[in-house]
Protein backbone atom coordinates (compact mmCIF):
# COMPACT_ATOMS: atom_id res chain seq x y z
CA MET A 1 -19.03 34.50 -6.23
CA PRO A 2 -16.49 34.33 -3.42
CA GLY A 3 -13.31 32.32 -3.86
CA LYS A 4 -10.40 32.18 -6.20
CA PRO A 5 -10.79 32.74 -9.93
CA LYS A 6 -10.31 29.65 -12.09
CA GLY A 7 -6.84 28.96 -13.40
CA LEU A 8 -4.85 30.19 -10.40
CA PRO A 9 -2.49 27.65 -8.78
CA LYS A 10 -3.41 26.03 -5.47
CA THR A 11 -1.82 27.60 -2.41
CA GLY A 12 -1.64 26.26 1.12
CA GLY A 13 -2.66 22.85 2.39
CA ARG A 14 -0.60 19.73 2.95
CA ARG A 15 2.29 18.86 0.67
CA PRO A 16 1.60 15.99 -1.75
CA GLY A 17 2.55 12.63 -0.27
CA SER A 18 2.67 13.81 3.34
CA LEU A 19 0.79 11.75 5.93
CA ASN A 20 -1.99 13.32 7.94
CA LYS A 21 -1.51 13.65 11.70
CA PHE A 22 -3.86 10.77 12.57
CA THR A 23 -2.02 8.33 10.28
CA SER A 24 1.43 9.28 11.54
CA ASN A 25 0.29 9.25 15.22
CA CYS A 26 -1.40 5.86 14.77
CA LYS A 27 1.69 4.39 13.12
CA ALA A 28 3.91 5.68 15.94
CA ALA A 29 1.55 4.23 18.57
CA LEU A 30 1.53 0.81 16.84
CA GLU A 31 5.34 0.80 16.63
CA GLU A 32 5.61 1.63 20.35
CA ALA A 33 3.06 -1.03 21.29
CA PHE A 34 4.93 -3.61 19.18
CA ALA A 35 8.18 -2.78 20.98
CA ARG A 36 6.55 -2.88 24.44
CA LEU A 37 4.90 -6.25 23.69
CA GLY A 38 8.26 -7.86 22.96
CA GLY A 39 8.88 -6.99 19.34
CA VAL A 40 9.81 -9.68 16.83
CA ASP A 41 10.49 -12.37 19.44
CA SER A 42 6.99 -11.96 20.90
CA LEU A 43 5.42 -11.99 17.41
CA VAL A 44 7.24 -15.22 16.56
CA ALA A 45 6.04 -16.83 19.80
CA TRP A 46 2.45 -15.76 19.12
CA GLY A 47 2.66 -16.94 15.51
CA SER A 48 3.95 -20.34 16.65
CA GLU A 49 1.03 -20.74 19.04
CA ASN A 50 -1.59 -19.32 16.65
CA PRO A 51 -0.45 -20.10 13.10
CA SER A 52 -3.93 -19.75 11.58
CA ASP A 53 -4.39 -16.24 13.01
CA PHE A 54 -0.80 -15.29 12.15
CA TYR A 55 -1.18 -16.23 8.48
CA LYS A 56 -4.61 -14.59 8.33
CA CYS A 57 -3.04 -11.29 9.43
CA TRP A 58 0.02 -11.78 7.21
CA SER A 59 -2.04 -12.55 4.11
CA LYS A 60 -3.78 -9.17 4.39
CA LEU A 61 -0.41 -7.42 4.02
CA ILE A 62 0.68 -9.29 0.89
CA PRO A 63 -0.39 -7.86 -2.48
CA LYS A 64 -2.98 -9.99 -4.24
CA ASP A 65 -1.68 -9.20 -7.72
CA ILE A 66 0.37 -6.60 -9.53
CA LYS A 67 -0.77 -4.93 -12.75
CA ILE A 68 1.85 -3.42 -15.02
CA GLU A 69 0.95 -1.41 -18.10
CA GLY A 70 3.28 -1.50 -21.04
CA GLY A 71 3.93 -2.99 -24.41
CA GLU A 72 0.84 -4.12 -26.25
CA GLY A 73 -1.57 -4.19 -23.35
CA LEU A 74 -2.03 -5.04 -19.73
CA ILE A 75 0.14 -7.68 -18.08
CA LYS A 76 -1.13 -9.29 -14.90
CA MET A 77 1.46 -10.85 -12.61
CA VAL A 78 0.13 -13.09 -9.84
CA ILE A 79 2.37 -13.41 -6.81
CA VAL A 80 2.29 -16.87 -5.25
CA THR A 81 2.69 -16.35 -1.52
CA GLY A 82 2.64 -19.84 -0.10
CA VAL A 83 -0.34 -18.92 2.08
CA PRO A 84 -2.97 -21.57 1.39
CA GLU A 85 -6.42 -20.51 0.27
CA ALA A 86 -9.47 -21.90 2.01
CA ALA A 87 -11.04 -24.86 0.20
CA PRO A 88 -14.42 -24.06 -1.36
CA LYS A 89 -17.39 -25.36 0.61
CA LEU A 90 -19.55 -27.94 -1.09
CA PRO A 91 -23.32 -27.53 -1.16
CA ALA A 92 -25.10 -29.59 1.51
CA ASN A 93 -26.44 -32.12 -1.02
CA ASP A 94 -22.92 -32.82 -2.45
CA ARG A 95 -21.28 -33.69 0.87
CA THR A 96 -20.43 -37.30 1.58
CA ALA A 97 -20.62 -38.85 5.04
CA ASP A 98 -17.35 -40.16 6.46
């Protein structure tokens, strides 16, 4: 069979932890677009005019929970972000008319 015999170390390829070209190019393009669109001041203005959309985007960047292993088991730490969750919708037959 062609190829390397088993047990030999890997050679070549990307270094562990390095970003691929698409990811690094995309990040650079987003940073440039952010700067050209007015940077932080423009983001604040947009967030003030569209708070629902702003917090929707922001909430996707915040970790939902953090799991830490150690001690006698698994510890789950929930981070309270201050971003309100949507209220659950009631079934049609449980709704009351206002």
